[in-house]
N, C-alpha and C. Protein backbone atom coordinates (compact mmCIF):
# COMPACT_ATOMS: atom_id res chain seq x y z
N MET A 1 113.56 126.97 112.10
CA MET A 1 113.62 126.30 110.62
C MET A 1 114.84 125.66 110.63
N TYR A 2 114.79 124.46 110.14
CA TYR A 2 115.82 123.52 109.81
C TYR A 2 116.23 123.78 108.72
N ILE A 3 117.77 123.76 108.25
CA ILE A 3 118.43 124.09 107.02
C ILE A 3 119.14 122.85 106.67
N ILE A 4 118.82 122.28 105.27
CA ILE A 4 119.16 121.02 104.92
C ILE A 4 119.89 121.55 103.39
N TYR A 5 121.02 121.05 103.40
CA TYR A 5 121.82 121.31 102.12
C TYR A 5 121.84 119.75 101.47
N SER A 6 121.65 119.98 100.34
CA SER A 6 121.58 118.40 99.64
C SER A 6 121.57 118.66 98.04
N THR A 7 121.74 117.41 97.60
CA THR A 7 121.64 117.46 96.01
C THR A 7 120.84 116.05 95.78
N MET A 8 119.59 116.21 95.96
CA MET A 8 118.60 114.84 95.70
C MET A 8 117.34 115.17 95.52
N LYS A 9 116.51 114.11 95.68
CA LYS A 9 115.12 114.24 95.67
C LYS A 9 114.34 114.19 97.04
N ILE A 10 113.34 114.89 97.32
CA ILE A 10 112.62 114.64 98.64
C ILE A 10 111.06 114.35 98.10
N ALA A 11 110.71 113.17 98.90
CA ALA A 11 109.33 113.01 98.58
C ALA A 11 108.24 113.74 99.51
N ILE A 12 107.21 114.23 98.79
CA ILE A 12 106.30 114.84 99.43
C ILE A 12 104.77 114.02 99.48
N ILE A 13 104.22 114.00 100.62
CA ILE A 13 103.19 112.85 100.78
C ILE A 13 102.08 113.69 101.74
N SER A 14 100.73 113.26 101.81
CA SER A 14 99.83 113.57 102.42
C SER A 14 98.51 112.62 102.50
N ASP A 15 97.98 112.99 103.40
CA ASP A 15 96.60 112.04 103.60
C ASP A 15 96.67 110.43 103.53
N VAL A 16 97.50 109.83 104.48
CA VAL A 16 97.83 108.41 104.26
C VAL A 16 96.36 107.78 104.88
N HIS A 17 95.57 108.18 105.84
CA HIS A 17 94.73 107.73 106.50
C HIS A 17 95.02 106.17 106.63
N ASN A 18 95.96 105.85 107.50
CA ASN A 18 96.10 104.32 107.78
C ASN A 18 96.27 103.37 106.47
N ASN A 19 96.32 103.95 105.44
CA ASN A 19 96.34 103.00 104.28
C ASN A 19 97.94 102.47 104.19
N VAL A 20 98.16 101.35 104.92
CA VAL A 20 99.55 101.01 105.02
C VAL A 20 100.04 100.40 103.98
N ALA A 21 99.31 99.56 102.90
CA ALA A 21 99.46 98.88 101.75
C ALA A 21 100.07 100.10 100.91
N ASN A 22 99.28 101.36 100.76
CA ASN A 22 100.04 102.18 99.73
C ASN A 22 101.09 102.96 100.21
N LEU A 23 101.24 103.14 101.33
CA LEU A 23 102.35 103.75 102.34
C LEU A 23 103.51 102.91 102.09
N LYS A 24 103.44 101.69 102.02
CA LYS A 24 104.53 100.67 101.71
C LYS A 24 105.06 100.75 100.04
N LYS A 25 104.20 101.05 99.39
CA LYS A 25 104.65 101.12 97.85
C LYS A 25 105.36 102.36 97.82
N VAL A 26 104.99 103.64 98.54
CA VAL A 26 105.60 104.92 98.62
C VAL A 26 106.98 104.49 98.98
N LEU A 27 107.20 103.82 100.19
CA LEU A 27 108.59 103.78 100.87
C LEU A 27 109.30 102.91 100.00
N ALA A 28 108.76 101.90 99.24
CA ALA A 28 109.63 101.08 98.35
C ALA A 28 110.21 101.80 97.16
N TYR A 29 109.18 102.86 96.83
CA TYR A 29 109.46 103.83 95.69
C TYR A 29 110.83 104.68 96.18
N CYS A 30 110.73 105.23 97.33
CA CYS A 30 111.73 106.02 97.84
C CYS A 30 113.27 105.19 98.04
N LYS A 31 113.07 104.03 98.44
CA LYS A 31 114.12 103.36 98.79
C LYS A 31 114.87 103.08 97.38
N ASN A 32 113.92 102.72 96.44
CA ASN A 32 114.35 102.49 94.86
C ASN A 32 115.38 103.58 94.54
N LYS A 33 114.86 104.43 94.70
CA LYS A 33 115.01 106.17 93.95
C LYS A 33 116.04 106.81 94.97
N LYS A 34 116.26 106.12 96.27
CA LYS A 34 117.31 106.56 96.94
C LYS A 34 116.69 107.95 97.72
N ILE A 35 115.42 108.20 97.90
CA ILE A 35 115.02 109.30 98.31
C ILE A 35 115.27 109.15 100.08
N LYS A 36 115.82 110.07 100.58
CA LYS A 36 116.31 110.08 102.13
C LYS A 36 115.44 111.01 102.99
N LYS A 37 114.65 112.00 102.47
CA LYS A 37 113.70 112.63 103.09
C LYS A 37 112.33 112.76 102.71
N ILE A 38 111.41 112.81 103.46
CA ILE A 38 109.89 112.83 103.02
C ILE A 38 109.36 113.91 103.93
N ILE A 39 108.56 114.82 103.30
CA ILE A 39 107.63 115.69 104.09
C ILE A 39 106.08 115.14 103.89
N CYS A 40 105.66 115.26 105.17
CA CYS A 40 104.56 114.62 105.06
C CYS A 40 103.22 115.69 105.41
N CYS A 41 102.45 116.13 104.86
CA CYS A 41 101.48 117.12 105.27
C CYS A 41 100.37 116.93 105.91
N GLY A 42 100.17 115.68 106.69
CA GLY A 42 98.95 115.52 107.52
C GLY A 42 98.48 114.15 107.30
N ASP A 43 97.60 113.79 108.37
CA ASP A 43 96.50 112.81 108.27
C ASP A 43 97.34 111.50 108.14
N LEU A 44 98.44 111.06 108.86
CA LEU A 44 98.87 109.68 108.80
C LEU A 44 97.45 108.94 109.54
N ALA A 45 97.05 109.52 110.42
CA ALA A 45 95.92 109.20 111.16
C ALA A 45 96.02 108.38 112.63
N SER A 46 96.96 107.56 112.63
CA SER A 46 97.17 107.07 114.01
C SER A 46 98.80 106.88 114.24
N GLU A 47 98.80 106.64 115.44
CA GLU A 47 100.23 106.44 115.87
C GLU A 47 100.92 105.02 115.36
N GLU A 48 99.95 103.94 115.17
CA GLU A 48 100.50 102.81 114.65
C GLU A 48 100.92 103.11 113.16
N THR A 49 100.31 103.93 112.59
CA THR A 49 100.67 104.19 111.06
C THR A 49 102.20 104.98 111.10
N LEU A 50 102.42 105.88 112.15
CA LEU A 50 103.62 106.68 112.40
C LEU A 50 104.90 105.68 112.66
N ASP A 51 104.49 104.59 113.59
CA ASP A 51 105.52 103.62 113.94
C ASP A 51 105.83 102.78 112.63
N PHE A 52 104.82 102.52 111.94
CA PHE A 52 105.09 101.66 110.76
C PHE A 52 106.13 102.53 109.68
N PHE A 53 105.57 103.82 109.58
CA PHE A 53 106.34 104.58 108.83
C PHE A 53 107.93 104.68 109.07
N CYS A 54 108.08 105.11 110.59
CA CYS A 54 109.45 105.01 111.10
C CYS A 54 110.25 103.73 110.87
N ASP A 55 109.46 102.79 111.07
CA ASP A 55 110.20 101.31 111.23
C ASP A 55 110.46 100.97 109.63
N ASN A 56 110.00 101.31 108.75
CA ASN A 56 110.29 101.19 107.59
C ASN A 56 110.84 102.24 106.62
N PHE A 57 111.26 103.40 107.06
CA PHE A 57 112.02 104.21 106.23
C PHE A 57 113.00 104.97 107.23
N SER A 58 114.29 104.46 106.77
CA SER A 58 115.54 104.92 107.63
C SER A 58 115.79 106.40 107.41
N GLY A 59 115.22 107.19 106.57
CA GLY A 59 115.72 108.55 106.05
C GLY A 59 114.89 109.65 107.23
N GLU A 60 114.89 110.76 106.84
CA GLU A 60 114.45 111.84 107.43
C GLU A 60 112.88 112.02 107.40
N ILE A 61 111.96 112.15 108.38
CA ILE A 61 110.61 112.51 108.05
C ILE A 61 110.12 113.87 108.90
N TYR A 62 109.75 114.75 108.08
CA TYR A 62 109.01 115.90 108.68
C TYR A 62 107.58 115.98 108.49
N TYR A 63 106.96 116.05 109.53
CA TYR A 63 105.51 115.80 109.72
C TYR A 63 104.74 116.63 110.41
N THR A 64 103.61 117.15 109.74
CA THR A 64 102.82 118.11 110.57
C THR A 64 101.52 117.54 110.55
N PHE A 65 100.62 117.97 111.65
CA PHE A 65 99.40 117.33 111.86
C PHE A 65 98.20 117.67 110.71
N GLY A 66 97.27 116.79 110.66
CA GLY A 66 96.33 117.07 110.09
C GLY A 66 94.77 116.79 110.87
N ASN A 67 93.73 117.02 110.25
CA ASN A 67 92.28 116.88 110.85
C ASN A 67 91.98 115.57 111.24
N MET A 68 92.63 114.53 110.55
CA MET A 68 92.10 113.38 110.91
C MET A 68 92.96 112.50 111.72
N ASP A 69 94.21 113.23 112.11
CA ASP A 69 95.06 112.27 113.11
C ASP A 69 94.45 112.40 114.31
N ASN A 70 94.50 111.08 115.04
CA ASN A 70 93.59 110.98 116.05
C ASN A 70 94.05 111.50 117.21
N GLU A 71 93.32 111.59 118.31
CA GLU A 71 93.81 112.33 119.44
C GLU A 71 95.16 111.67 120.02
N GLN A 72 95.02 110.27 120.15
CA GLN A 72 96.49 109.72 120.49
C GLN A 72 97.73 110.51 119.80
N LEU A 73 97.57 110.48 118.48
CA LEU A 73 98.79 110.99 117.80
C LEU A 73 98.77 112.59 118.02
N ARG A 74 98.03 113.28 117.89
CA ARG A 74 98.06 114.69 118.03
C ARG A 74 98.59 115.06 119.43
N ASP A 75 98.08 114.51 120.46
CA ASP A 75 98.79 114.73 121.82
C ASP A 75 99.81 113.76 122.08
N PHE A 76 100.58 113.32 121.06
CA PHE A 76 101.71 112.51 121.25
C PHE A 76 102.83 113.27 121.86
N GLN A 77 103.32 112.84 122.99
CA GLN A 77 104.47 113.35 123.64
C GLN A 77 105.98 112.84 123.50
N GLY A 78 105.90 111.56 123.06
CA GLY A 78 107.07 110.85 123.05
C GLY A 78 107.83 110.88 121.89
N VAL A 79 107.72 111.73 120.74
CA VAL A 79 108.51 112.10 119.62
C VAL A 79 110.04 111.58 119.89
N ASP A 80 110.68 111.94 120.94
CA ASP A 80 111.61 111.74 121.11
C ASP A 80 112.07 110.20 120.83
N GLN A 81 111.19 109.37 120.80
CA GLN A 81 111.53 107.90 120.86
C GLN A 81 111.73 107.76 119.04
N TYR A 82 111.40 108.39 118.33
CA TYR A 82 111.74 108.41 116.72
C TYR A 82 112.72 109.27 116.42
N LYS A 83 113.88 108.84 116.10
CA LYS A 83 115.13 109.44 115.97
C LYS A 83 114.97 110.19 114.54
N ASN A 84 114.34 109.50 113.88
CA ASN A 84 114.18 110.24 112.35
C ASN A 84 113.08 111.15 112.09
N VAL A 85 112.19 111.69 113.06
CA VAL A 85 110.94 112.37 112.68
C VAL A 85 111.04 113.62 113.51
N ASP A 86 111.08 114.84 112.70
CA ASP A 86 110.62 116.07 113.12
C ASP A 86 109.15 116.31 112.81
N LEU A 87 108.34 116.65 114.14
CA LEU A 87 107.10 116.79 114.42
C LEU A 87 106.75 118.16 114.43
N PHE A 88 105.99 118.65 113.62
CA PHE A 88 105.58 120.17 113.76
C PHE A 88 103.69 120.11 114.10
N LYS A 89 103.55 120.80 115.18
CA LYS A 89 102.09 120.85 115.47
C LYS A 89 101.34 121.63 114.50
N ASN A 90 101.52 122.66 113.92
CA ASN A 90 100.65 123.58 113.26
C ASN A 90 101.03 123.72 111.77
N PHE A 91 102.41 123.97 111.55
CA PHE A 91 102.91 123.73 110.09
C PHE A 91 104.62 123.65 110.32
N GLY A 92 105.04 123.25 109.36
CA GLY A 92 106.38 123.15 109.46
C GLY A 92 107.38 124.22 108.42
N GLU A 93 108.50 124.46 108.75
CA GLU A 93 109.44 125.30 107.94
C GLU A 93 110.63 124.46 107.85
N LEU A 94 111.17 124.47 106.53
CA LEU A 94 112.54 124.18 106.22
C LEU A 94 113.37 125.08 105.32
N LYS A 95 114.62 124.92 105.54
CA LYS A 95 115.35 125.66 104.25
C LYS A 95 116.14 124.74 103.63
N ILE A 96 115.93 124.46 102.44
CA ILE A 96 116.64 123.55 101.35
C ILE A 96 117.48 123.86 100.35
N ASN A 97 118.68 123.95 100.31
CA ASN A 97 119.24 124.40 99.19
C ASN A 97 118.72 125.90 98.78
N ASN A 98 119.03 126.63 99.98
CA ASN A 98 118.46 128.20 100.09
C ASN A 98 117.11 128.56 99.80
N LYS A 99 116.12 127.48 99.65
CA LYS A 99 114.81 127.85 99.32
C LYS A 99 114.19 127.56 100.47
N LYS A 100 113.05 128.31 100.80
CA LYS A 100 112.53 128.46 102.10
C LYS A 100 111.10 127.73 101.90
N ILE A 101 110.80 126.77 102.55
CA ILE A 101 109.69 125.85 102.59
C ILE A 101 108.84 125.80 103.82
N ALA A 102 107.43 125.79 103.35
CA ALA A 102 106.51 125.66 104.60
C ALA A 102 105.64 124.47 104.14
N PHE A 103 105.14 123.65 105.11
CA PHE A 103 104.23 122.64 104.85
C PHE A 103 103.14 122.49 105.98
N VAL A 104 101.99 122.47 105.34
CA VAL A 104 100.87 122.32 106.57
C VAL A 104 99.76 121.61 106.10
N HIS A 105 98.92 121.03 106.67
CA HIS A 105 97.63 120.24 105.91
C HIS A 105 96.68 121.08 105.32
N PHE A 106 96.18 122.23 105.81
CA PHE A 106 95.20 122.93 105.37
C PHE A 106 95.44 123.97 104.00
N PRO A 107 94.53 123.80 102.85
CA PRO A 107 95.06 124.56 101.98
C PRO A 107 94.76 126.16 102.24
N ASP A 108 93.85 126.54 103.13
CA ASP A 108 93.54 128.07 103.32
C ASP A 108 94.93 128.71 104.09
N VAL A 109 95.15 127.88 104.93
CA VAL A 109 96.65 128.16 105.59
C VAL A 109 97.81 128.16 104.66
N ALA A 110 97.65 127.16 103.91
CA ALA A 110 99.14 127.36 102.86
C ALA A 110 98.74 128.59 102.09
N LYS A 111 97.59 128.82 101.43
CA LYS A 111 97.56 130.16 100.92
C LYS A 111 98.10 131.25 101.75
N LYS A 112 97.88 131.33 102.97
CA LYS A 112 98.24 132.54 103.89
C LYS A 112 99.84 132.38 103.99
N LEU A 113 100.12 131.24 104.14
CA LEU A 113 101.62 131.34 104.11
C LEU A 113 102.37 131.84 102.82
N CYS A 114 101.82 131.45 101.66
CA CYS A 114 102.32 131.92 100.36
C CYS A 114 102.31 133.38 100.60
N GLN A 115 101.26 133.77 100.88
CA GLN A 115 100.84 135.33 100.86
C GLN A 115 101.86 136.15 101.71
N THR A 116 102.71 135.66 102.69
CA THR A 116 103.75 136.10 103.60
C THR A 116 104.99 136.54 102.83
N LYS A 117 105.00 135.98 101.73
CA LYS A 117 106.08 136.27 100.86
C LYS A 117 107.62 135.83 101.51
N ARG A 118 107.25 134.87 102.46
CA ARG A 118 108.44 134.29 103.06
C ARG A 118 108.93 133.04 102.49
N TYR A 119 108.23 132.53 101.74
CA TYR A 119 108.51 131.35 101.40
C TYR A 119 108.59 130.87 99.80
N ASN A 120 109.53 130.01 99.33
CA ASN A 120 109.45 129.77 97.72
C ASN A 120 108.36 128.61 97.39
N PHE A 121 108.37 127.86 98.28
CA PHE A 121 107.19 126.69 98.35
C PHE A 121 106.46 126.66 99.35
N VAL A 122 105.27 126.09 99.24
CA VAL A 122 104.32 125.74 100.39
C VAL A 122 103.52 124.43 100.04
N PHE A 123 103.53 123.31 100.71
CA PHE A 123 103.05 121.94 100.65
C PHE A 123 101.90 121.84 101.45
N TYR A 124 100.88 121.29 100.86
CA TYR A 124 99.59 121.26 101.70
C TYR A 124 98.85 119.78 101.34
N GLY A 125 98.01 119.51 102.08
CA GLY A 125 97.29 118.16 101.76
C GLY A 125 95.64 118.50 101.97
N HIS A 126 94.92 117.79 102.66
CA HIS A 126 93.69 117.88 103.06
C HIS A 126 92.52 117.43 101.94
N THR A 127 92.75 118.18 100.77
CA THR A 127 91.65 117.87 99.71
C THR A 127 92.01 116.60 98.90
N HIS A 128 92.93 115.79 99.07
CA HIS A 128 93.32 114.61 98.56
C HIS A 128 93.61 114.74 96.87
N LYS A 129 93.40 116.04 96.55
CA LYS A 129 93.55 116.31 95.14
C LYS A 129 94.87 117.06 94.72
N PRO A 130 95.72 116.30 93.82
CA PRO A 130 96.93 116.93 93.58
C PRO A 130 96.71 118.24 92.74
N TRP A 131 97.61 119.18 93.12
CA TRP A 131 97.25 120.47 92.50
C TRP A 131 98.28 121.29 92.73
N GLU A 132 98.89 122.18 92.09
CA GLU A 132 99.85 123.09 92.29
C GLU A 132 99.59 124.49 91.60
N GLU A 133 99.77 125.63 92.14
CA GLU A 133 99.59 126.83 91.49
C GLU A 133 100.60 127.90 92.05
N MET A 134 100.75 129.09 91.48
CA MET A 134 101.51 130.11 91.94
C MET A 134 100.63 131.05 92.69
N ILE A 135 101.36 131.48 93.73
CA ILE A 135 100.79 132.67 94.46
C ILE A 135 101.65 133.55 94.84
N GLU A 136 101.55 134.41 93.80
CA GLU A 136 102.62 135.50 93.98
C GLU A 136 103.90 134.89 93.40
N ASP A 137 105.04 134.93 94.36
CA ASP A 137 106.40 134.15 93.69
C ASP A 137 106.33 132.91 94.53
N CYS A 138 105.49 132.33 95.06
CA CYS A 138 105.40 131.07 95.91
C CYS A 138 104.75 130.12 95.04
N LYS A 139 105.45 128.97 94.93
CA LYS A 139 104.75 128.03 94.34
C LYS A 139 103.86 126.97 95.43
N MET A 140 102.48 126.74 95.34
CA MET A 140 101.71 126.09 96.34
C MET A 140 101.43 124.75 95.65
N LEU A 141 101.67 123.54 96.53
CA LEU A 141 101.59 122.22 95.89
C LEU A 141 100.88 121.20 96.92
N ASN A 142 100.06 120.62 96.34
CA ASN A 142 99.41 119.42 97.15
C ASN A 142 99.64 117.94 96.24
N PRO A 143 100.38 117.29 96.99
CA PRO A 143 100.87 115.95 96.34
C PRO A 143 99.52 115.02 95.97
N GLY A 144 98.45 115.30 96.42
CA GLY A 144 97.54 114.30 96.52
C GLY A 144 97.16 113.63 97.97
N ASN A 145 96.92 112.45 97.75
CA ASN A 145 96.61 111.26 98.92
C ASN A 145 97.23 110.01 98.52
N VAL A 146 97.78 109.39 99.64
CA VAL A 146 98.25 108.09 99.78
C VAL A 146 96.73 107.12 99.86
N ALA A 147 95.66 107.53 100.53
CA ALA A 147 94.88 106.79 100.84
C ALA A 147 94.19 105.93 99.83
N ASN A 148 94.08 106.72 98.84
CA ASN A 148 93.26 106.25 97.59
C ASN A 148 91.73 106.67 98.05
N GLU A 149 91.42 107.81 98.57
CA GLU A 149 89.99 108.34 98.83
C GLU A 149 89.70 109.37 98.02
N ILE A 150 88.48 109.68 97.30
CA ILE A 150 87.89 110.81 96.65
C ILE A 150 88.54 110.83 95.35
N TYR A 151 90.00 110.76 95.16
CA TYR A 151 90.85 110.84 94.09
C TYR A 151 92.04 109.61 94.02
N LEU A 152 92.15 109.40 92.92
CA LEU A 152 93.24 108.23 92.99
C LEU A 152 94.67 108.48 93.76
N PRO A 153 95.40 107.44 94.30
CA PRO A 153 96.37 107.74 94.99
C PRO A 153 97.53 108.44 94.36
N THR A 154 98.11 109.42 94.97
CA THR A 154 99.56 109.96 94.50
C THR A 154 100.40 110.48 95.36
N PHE A 155 101.47 110.83 94.88
CA PHE A 155 102.57 111.77 95.94
C PHE A 155 103.31 112.36 94.87
N ALA A 156 103.99 113.26 95.56
CA ALA A 156 105.06 114.12 94.50
C ALA A 156 106.53 113.78 94.85
N THR A 157 107.40 114.00 93.92
CA THR A 157 108.67 114.30 94.29
C THR A 157 109.27 115.59 93.97
N TRP A 158 110.44 115.89 94.61
CA TRP A 158 110.76 117.34 94.21
C TRP A 158 112.34 116.95 94.03
N ASN A 159 112.89 117.29 92.69
CA ASN A 159 114.07 117.33 92.65
C ASN A 159 114.91 118.80 93.00
N ILE A 160 115.61 118.66 93.93
CA ILE A 160 115.78 119.88 94.42
C ILE A 160 117.08 120.72 93.84
N GLU A 161 117.78 119.95 92.71
CA GLU A 161 118.78 120.47 91.96
C GLU A 161 118.12 121.54 90.88
N ASN A 162 116.82 121.05 90.43
CA ASN A 162 116.49 121.84 89.35
C ASN A 162 114.98 122.33 89.84
N ASP A 163 114.61 122.20 91.04
CA ASP A 163 113.14 122.53 91.47
C ASP A 163 112.10 121.89 90.43
N LYS A 164 112.13 120.88 89.94
CA LYS A 164 111.15 120.18 89.17
C LYS A 164 110.42 119.23 90.19
N PHE A 165 108.97 119.13 89.98
CA PHE A 165 108.07 118.41 90.80
C PHE A 165 107.67 117.30 89.70
N LYS A 166 107.33 115.91 90.20
CA LYS A 166 106.89 114.98 89.41
C LYS A 166 105.68 114.26 90.49
N LEU A 167 104.54 114.15 89.87
CA LEU A 167 103.48 113.36 90.50
C LEU A 167 103.73 112.10 90.06
N ILE A 168 103.50 111.10 91.22
CA ILE A 168 103.86 109.66 91.24
C ILE A 168 102.28 109.18 91.26
N ARG A 169 101.98 108.41 90.30
CA ARG A 169 100.57 107.66 90.76
C ARG A 169 101.16 106.41 91.27
N ILE A 170 100.51 106.20 92.55
CA ILE A 170 100.88 105.00 93.29
C ILE A 170 100.20 103.51 92.88
N ASN A 171 99.13 103.64 92.16
CA ASN A 171 98.35 102.20 91.44
C ASN A 171 99.35 101.90 90.49
N GLU A 172 100.26 102.60 89.96
CA GLU A 172 101.13 102.43 88.75
C GLU A 172 102.37 101.72 89.38
N LEU A 173 102.92 101.69 90.57
CA LEU A 173 103.74 101.36 91.20
C LEU A 173 103.62 99.79 91.37
N VAL A 174 104.73 98.89 91.28
CA VAL A 174 104.71 97.54 91.81
C VAL A 174 104.92 97.30 93.10
């Protein structure tokens, strides 16, 4: 488990599905708001999108795989070439300001992680639908999707000073 001490915001994204135009908007927002860490809950979809992400975001990226990540990305062995990416095969764990976090792609796994009572927050993707709910004492949150598929494109920010989450509508960003 990585331990992060900070007083800032973190972006939570999922389901990019190679939509680089929307990813650019997310990264521009993060730069403007001085967000230095992004948690991605899967489905970038390709190594090219990971390359773009890393080339255009100088902060830290925490990434776990989704079902639509192609074989090339899932089998990727050269993650050391990306200095700012921590890659997690099944699910990721972080400790941020004494809060235990897990992030995963699938909602059923997210729910099981919440039920372990080990985490304060569990983030997930897959459904493309922004959602949050409490499972016992754990907040389970889906930031929506960057891809603009099924539901309008969104992502979330987390102010770790007060544990407030905000849903950002990508179509409203310039």
